[in-house]
């Protein structure tokens, strides 16, 4: 069973299963049965054994009771069904007596619990744990010392690597937003300026405000906790790292600023596959709720290219183009 929705938090149970162990208990070996269980010392609030095959996931093992082919008379209190044994030191879960041979079935239940929602990813669980939880079964005849049954030590968790297979676990929702065509394909028009108003490379943002224009990049329907990193690339020169766009005018470029930042944005190669550039990327988020809107603004300005003078600026229209890639960090 999985919790509703696709966002997982600590304590959520993402899977349940059960198992049992069965013993034949001849009366000749003793009329009293003792069953003890022991688990691990764990450092999470859910009494779950951390699973190395899936970071962020733990397993809670519970004593789910017993069944016998003859009536057993408890000697003292038995552990209630549902008692957690995965994080307990040795505890008695059953001590009882009978007068005939019988078959004893011991039942265990398992819960897969999210113990660290920051690293839990879901998917196929590779189960490698062994002997993290042990159940010991012994008989006692009269006042003699108890004797361990044949195969008297059982590792309940071993059932998860045997005939009971762990199913594909639910995966948390991946970070995502929707982007409209109007966001993905924008035509940003700067105002007309005189050549003398175009500032040289390295000039302050405030000095280059003549003709500047603003635009937004907006994601809608974003999943909770989504963040966006935005990487820009110069369409005319995608391989070079620089802080301006080349244009159709050989002396004039375009620079971009994010929100109120004073430094122009860097351009360079676009992210590809698992490779992400080390250069700065403006960011927005995280989304506070599912379905949120993440929006951030940019300013485009004219800039004179390095080693160009005002006399190099050719009057007339110009065009520059940039692409951007959204990365969910």
Protein backbone atom coordinates (compact mmCIF):
# COMPACT_ATOMS: atom_id res chain seq x y z
CA UNK A 1 0.00 0.00 0.00
CA UNK A 2 1.27 3.48 -0.83
CA UNK A 3 0.18 6.82 0.61
CA UNK A 4 -2.05 8.92 -1.57
CA UNK A 5 -0.40 11.47 -3.83
CA UNK A 6 3.13 11.52 -5.15
CA UNK A 7 4.95 13.57 -2.52
CA UNK A 8 6.50 11.52 0.27
CA UNK A 9 7.44 12.63 3.75
CA UNK A 10 9.19 10.97 6.65
CA UNK A 11 7.04 8.29 8.24
CA UNK A 12 5.07 7.45 5.09
CA UNK A 13 4.57 3.72 4.54
CA UNK A 14 5.23 2.88 0.89
CA UNK A 15 4.85 -0.89 1.08
CA UNK A 16 3.58 -3.72 3.28
CA UNK A 17 4.02 -7.47 3.22
CA UNK A 18 4.08 -10.43 5.62
CA UNK A 19 5.76 -13.79 6.22
CA UNK A 20 5.66 -16.71 8.61
CA UNK A 21 7.88 -19.44 10.06
CA UNK A 22 6.60 -22.89 11.02
CA UNK A 23 7.94 -25.41 13.55
CA UNK A 24 6.93 -28.93 14.55
CA UNK A 25 7.12 -29.09 18.35
CA UNK A 26 7.16 -32.71 19.68
CA UNK A 27 6.01 -33.01 23.27
CA UNK A 28 8.98 -35.31 23.94
CA UNK A 29 11.27 -32.30 23.54
CA UNK A 30 9.39 -30.21 26.06
CA UNK A 31 6.00 -28.92 27.03
CA UNK A 32 7.02 -25.26 27.19
CA UNK A 33 7.86 -23.07 24.20
CA UNK A 34 9.87 -19.85 24.41
CA UNK A 35 10.08 -17.37 21.53
CA UNK A 36 12.36 -14.35 21.77
CA UNK A 37 13.01 -11.59 19.23
CA UNK A 38 15.80 -9.06 18.82
CA UNK A 39 16.45 -6.17 16.44
CA UNK A 40 18.87 -3.29 15.89
CA UNK A 41 19.58 -0.04 17.66
CA UNK A 42 18.39 2.54 15.14
CA UNK A 43 18.62 6.32 15.06
CA UNK A 44 15.30 7.16 13.40
CA UNK A 45 11.93 7.89 14.96
CA UNK A 46 10.15 5.04 13.15
CA UNK A 47 12.03 2.07 14.71
CA UNK A 48 12.97 1.01 11.18
CA UNK A 49 16.12 -0.79 10.08
CA UNK A 50 17.74 1.40 7.36
CA UNK A 51 18.01 -0.40 4.02
CA UNK A 52 21.34 0.01 2.25
CA UNK A 53 19.74 -0.94 -1.07
CA UNK A 54 17.58 2.18 -1.05
CA UNK A 55 18.77 5.27 0.84
CA UNK A 56 16.02 6.98 2.77
CA UNK A 57 13.98 3.79 3.24
CA UNK A 58 13.70 1.61 6.33
CA UNK A 59 11.98 -1.63 7.30
CA UNK A 60 9.80 -2.05 10.37
CA UNK A 61 9.33 -5.69 11.44
CA UNK A 62 6.41 -6.53 13.72
CA UNK A 63 5.42 -9.64 15.65
CA UNK A 64 2.03 -10.49 14.17
CA UNK A 65 1.08 -13.31 16.52
CA UNK A 66 1.02 -17.09 16.24
CA UNK A 67 -1.19 -20.08 15.50
CA UNK A 68 -0.99 -23.59 16.90
CA UNK A 69 -2.59 -26.90 16.01
CA UNK A 70 -3.33 -27.46 19.72
CA UNK A 71 -4.32 -25.10 22.47
CA UNK A 72 -1.40 -23.31 24.14
CA UNK A 73 -1.62 -21.96 27.67
CA UNK A 74 0.33 -18.70 27.98
CA UNK A 75 2.76 -18.46 30.88
CA UNK A 76 2.78 -14.78 31.58
CA UNK A 77 1.82 -12.11 29.05
CA UNK A 78 2.61 -12.62 25.35
CA UNK A 79 3.69 -9.75 23.11
CA UNK A 80 0.62 -8.12 21.54
CA UNK A 81 0.15 -8.45 17.81
CA UNK A 82 1.87 -5.50 16.15
CA UNK A 83 4.77 -5.29 18.61
CA UNK A 84 7.79 -3.85 16.79
CA UNK A 85 10.76 -6.23 17.01
CA UNK A 86 13.08 -4.55 14.48
CA UNK A 87 14.48 -2.09 17.03
CA UNK A 88 14.12 -4.01 20.31
CA UNK A 89 16.77 -5.85 22.31
CA UNK A 90 15.90 -9.43 23.16
CA UNK A 91 12.28 -9.53 24.29
CA UNK A 92 9.93 -12.42 24.97
CA UNK A 93 7.12 -12.53 22.43
CA UNK A 94 5.67 -15.92 23.44
CA UNK A 95 6.00 -18.26 26.41
CA UNK A 96 3.37 -20.98 26.62
CA UNK A 97 2.75 -24.60 27.64
CA UNK A 98 0.85 -27.57 26.21
CA UNK A 99 0.48 -31.33 26.76
CA UNK A 100 0.66 -32.62 23.17
CA UNK A 101 2.84 -32.39 20.09
CA UNK A 102 1.86 -29.57 17.75
CA UNK A 103 2.82 -27.34 14.85
CA UNK A 104 3.55 -23.71 15.69
CA UNK A 105 3.30 -20.94 13.10
CA UNK A 106 4.86 -17.55 13.85
CA UNK A 107 3.69 -14.54 11.86
CA UNK A 108 5.59 -11.36 11.00
CA UNK A 109 4.52 -8.21 9.22
CA UNK A 110 6.76 -5.73 7.41
CA UNK A 111 6.38 -2.03 6.64
CA UNK A 112 8.62 -0.12 4.26
CA UNK A 113 8.86 3.36 5.74
CA UNK A 114 10.40 6.59 4.42
CA UNK A 115 12.99 7.59 7.02
CA UNK A 116 14.74 10.37 5.06
CA UNK A 117 12.55 12.11 2.49
CA UNK A 118 15.49 14.18 1.26
CA UNK A 119 17.22 11.14 -0.27
CA UNK A 120 14.36 8.66 -0.87
CA UNK A 121 13.89 8.09 -4.62
CA UNK A 122 11.73 4.98 -4.93
CA UNK A 123 12.15 2.39 -7.67
CA UNK A 124 13.31 -1.23 -7.56
CA UNK A 125 14.53 -2.22 -4.11
CA UNK A 126 17.72 -4.28 -3.91
CA UNK A 127 17.44 -6.07 -0.58
CA UNK A 128 20.79 -7.08 0.94
CA UNK A 129 20.23 -6.96 4.70
CA UNK A 130 20.74 -10.16 6.72
CA UNK A 131 20.50 -11.04 10.41
CA UNK A 132 19.40 -7.55 11.41
CA UNK A 133 16.35 -9.05 13.14
CA UNK A 134 16.41 -12.50 14.76
CA UNK A 135 13.70 -14.67 16.31
CA UNK A 136 14.75 -17.57 18.55
CA UNK A 137 12.49 -20.54 19.30
CA UNK A 138 13.27 -23.07 22.05
CA UNK A 139 11.47 -25.80 24.09
CA UNK A 140 11.85 -26.56 27.74
CA UNK A 141 11.11 -29.91 29.38
CA UNK A 142 10.15 -29.63 33.02
CA UNK A 143 12.72 -27.60 34.93
CA UNK A 144 15.60 -28.42 32.58
CA UNK A 145 17.34 -25.73 30.57
CA UNK A 146 15.56 -24.64 27.42
CA UNK A 147 16.91 -26.23 24.23
CA UNK A 148 17.09 -24.41 20.91
CA UNK A 149 14.83 -25.92 18.27
CA UNK A 150 16.26 -27.23 14.99
CA UNK A 151 16.67 -24.12 12.82
CA UNK A 152 15.64 -22.24 15.94
CA UNK A 153 17.11 -18.92 14.80
CA UNK A 154 15.04 -17.26 12.07
CA UNK A 155 15.78 -14.02 10.24
CA UNK A 156 12.30 -12.72 9.31
CA UNK A 157 13.79 -10.19 6.87
CA UNK A 158 15.17 -13.07 4.80
CA UNK A 159 11.63 -13.54 3.48
CA UNK A 160 12.11 -10.40 1.41
CA UNK A 161 14.91 -12.03 -0.58
CA UNK A 162 13.18 -15.36 -0.91
CA UNK A 163 9.70 -16.27 -2.09
CA UNK A 164 8.21 -12.93 -1.07
CA UNK A 165 9.56 -10.34 -3.48
CA UNK A 166 9.43 -6.61 -2.84
CA UNK A 167 7.41 -4.91 -5.60
CA UNK A 168 8.43 -1.81 -7.48
CA UNK A 169 8.08 0.98 -4.96
CA UNK A 170 6.24 4.22 -5.72
CA UNK A 171 8.50 7.05 -6.78
CA UNK A 172 8.22 10.61 -5.52
CA UNK A 173 7.07 13.08 -8.13
CA UNK A 174 9.97 14.47 -10.14
CA UNK A 175 10.36 18.24 -10.07
CA UNK A 176 8.60 19.72 -13.05
CA UNK A 177 6.83 22.78 -14.43
CA UNK A 178 4.90 23.52 -17.60
CA UNK A 179 6.16 26.21 -19.96
CA UNK A 180 3.93 27.92 -22.49
CA UNK A 181 4.95 28.64 -26.07
CA UNK A 182 4.90 32.35 -25.23
CA UNK A 183 7.58 31.71 -22.59
CA UNK A 184 9.69 29.36 -24.69
CA UNK A 185 9.65 31.53 -27.82
CA UNK A 186 9.95 35.21 -27.00
CA UNK A 187 10.68 38.23 -29.17
CA UNK A 188 12.16 40.91 -26.93
CA UNK A 189 12.20 44.35 -28.60
CA UNK A 190 14.63 46.96 -27.30
CA UNK A 191 13.99 50.64 -27.90
CA UNK A 192 15.90 52.83 -30.39
CA UNK A 193 19.07 54.55 -29.17
CA UNK A 194 21.82 56.73 -30.57
CA UNK A 195 25.26 55.10 -31.01
CA UNK A 196 26.61 57.27 -28.21
CA UNK A 197 24.08 55.80 -25.76
CA UNK A 198 25.44 52.28 -26.16
CA UNK A 199 27.76 51.69 -23.23
CA UNK A 200 31.11 49.89 -23.54
CA UNK A 201 31.71 46.40 -22.19
CA UNK A 202 32.12 46.47 -18.43
CA UNK A 203 29.96 49.55 -17.90
CA UNK A 204 27.55 49.53 -14.98
CA UNK A 205 23.99 48.30 -15.41
CA UNK A 206 22.51 51.68 -14.55
CA UNK A 207 24.55 53.45 -17.24
CA UNK A 208 23.25 51.10 -19.95
CA UNK A 209 19.53 51.57 -19.31
CA UNK A 210 18.84 53.42 -22.58
CA UNK A 211 16.53 51.30 -24.76
CA UNK A 212 16.48 48.37 -22.34
CA UNK A 213 13.59 45.87 -22.33
CA UNK A 214 12.26 43.38 -19.82
CA UNK A 215 10.92 39.84 -20.14
CA UNK A 216 9.81 36.96 -17.91
CA UNK A 217 10.44 33.24 -17.81
CA UNK A 218 7.49 31.57 -16.12
CA UNK A 219 6.70 27.97 -15.24
CA UNK A 220 3.18 26.94 -14.25
CA UNK A 221 1.74 23.85 -12.58
CA UNK A 222 5.03 23.25 -10.77
CA UNK A 223 5.31 20.37 -8.32
CA UNK A 224 5.99 21.22 -4.70
CA UNK A 225 9.65 21.96 -3.85
CA UNK A 226 10.60 22.39 -7.53
CA UNK A 227 13.50 24.75 -8.22
CA UNK A 228 14.60 26.08 -11.60
CA UNK A 229 18.14 26.92 -12.72
CA UNK A 230 18.25 28.77 -16.04
CA UNK A 231 21.27 28.52 -18.34
CA UNK A 232 21.61 30.85 -21.34
CA UNK A 233 23.54 30.15 -24.55
CA UNK A 234 24.42 32.53 -27.40
CA UNK A 235 22.84 31.11 -30.54
CA UNK A 236 25.53 32.73 -32.72
CA UNK A 237 28.43 31.47 -30.59
CA UNK A 238 27.31 28.61 -28.37
CA UNK A 239 30.78 27.34 -27.42
CA UNK A 240 32.30 30.52 -25.96
CA UNK A 241 31.93 31.63 -22.36
CA UNK A 242 31.24 35.36 -22.21
CA UNK A 243 28.76 37.84 -20.73
CA UNK A 244 27.13 39.20 -23.89
CA UNK A 245 25.32 38.00 -27.01
CA UNK A 246 26.71 38.61 -30.47
CA UNK A 247 24.35 40.36 -32.85
CA UNK A 248 24.02 41.18 -36.53
CA UNK A 249 25.92 44.40 -35.79
CA UNK A 250 29.67 43.61 -35.51
CA UNK A 251 30.21 46.26 -32.83
CA UNK A 252 27.11 45.83 -30.68
CA UNK A 253 25.95 43.00 -28.45
CA UNK A 254 23.18 42.37 -25.96
CA UNK A 255 23.66 41.69 -22.29
CA UNK A 256 21.12 40.26 -19.85
CA UNK A 257 20.58 40.93 -16.17
CA UNK A 258 18.56 38.83 -13.74
CA UNK A 259 16.17 40.77 -11.56
CA UNK A 260 18.09 43.42 -9.61
CA UNK A 261 21.55 41.91 -10.09
CA UNK A 262 24.37 44.22 -11.12
CA UNK A 263 26.47 41.71 -13.09
CA UNK A 264 25.47 40.61 -16.60
CA UNK A 265 24.56 36.95 -17.01
CA UNK A 266 27.16 34.58 -18.42
CA UNK A 267 26.59 32.71 -21.69
CA UNK A 268 28.24 29.47 -22.70
CA UNK A 269 27.64 25.87 -23.76
CA UNK A 270 24.21 24.52 -22.90
CA UNK A 271 23.74 21.69 -20.37
CA UNK A 272 23.67 18.30 -22.04
CA UNK A 273 22.62 14.97 -20.53
CA UNK A 274 23.98 14.78 -16.99
CA UNK A 275 26.57 17.50 -17.66
CA UNK A 276 25.76 20.90 -16.20
CA UNK A 277 28.05 23.92 -16.71
CA UNK A 278 29.83 25.31 -13.67
CA UNK A 279 28.98 28.90 -14.57
CA UNK A 280 26.40 30.89 -12.63
CA UNK A 281 22.75 30.28 -13.50
CA UNK A 282 19.87 32.40 -12.21
CA UNK A 283 17.42 30.39 -10.15
CA UNK A 284 13.87 30.57 -8.88
CA UNK A 285 11.96 28.50 -6.33
CA UNK A 286 11.29 26.32 -4.51
CA UNK A 287 7.58 25.98 -5.24
CA UNK A 288 5.67 26.06 -1.97
CA UNK A 289 2.73 23.94 -3.15
CA UNK A 290 1.79 21.62 -6.00
CA UNK A 291 0.51 23.62 -8.96
CA UNK A 292 2.52 26.72 -8.07
CA UNK A 293 3.78 29.33 -10.54
CA UNK A 294 7.53 30.07 -10.64
CA UNK A 295 8.38 33.29 -12.43
CA UNK A 296 11.49 35.41 -12.69
CA UNK A 297 12.39 38.54 -14.66
CA UNK A 298 15.27 39.61 -16.90
CA UNK A 299 16.46 42.84 -18.48
CA UNK A 300 18.11 43.10 -21.92
CA UNK A 301 20.48 45.99 -22.70
CA UNK A 302 22.65 47.11 -25.59
CA UNK A 303 26.40 46.89 -25.00
CA UNK A 304 29.38 47.79 -27.13
CA UNK A 305 31.57 44.78 -27.75
CA UNK A 306 35.09 44.60 -26.30
CA UNK A 307 37.72 46.54 -28.26
CA UNK A 308 35.03 48.46 -30.17
CA UNK A 309 34.64 52.23 -30.13
CA UNK A 310 31.61 54.42 -30.67
CA UNK A 311 32.77 55.08 -34.23
CA UNK A 312 32.60 51.32 -34.93
CA UNK A 313 28.88 51.24 -34.20
CA UNK A 314 26.91 51.00 -37.44
CA UNK A 315 23.46 52.61 -37.22
CA UNK A 316 20.49 50.44 -38.12
CA UNK A 317 18.48 47.51 -36.80
CA UNK A 318 20.18 44.51 -35.23
CA UNK A 319 19.21 41.05 -34.08
CA UNK A 320 20.62 38.71 -31.44
CA UNK A 321 19.35 35.35 -30.25
CA UNK A 322 19.74 33.27 -27.12
CA UNK A 323 18.45 29.91 -26.02
CA UNK A 324 17.84 28.89 -22.44
CA UNK A 325 17.81 25.48 -20.79
CA UNK A 326 15.90 24.79 -17.58
CA UNK A 327 17.66 22.47 -15.14
CA UNK A 328 15.93 21.04 -12.06
CA UNK A 329 18.78 20.93 -9.52
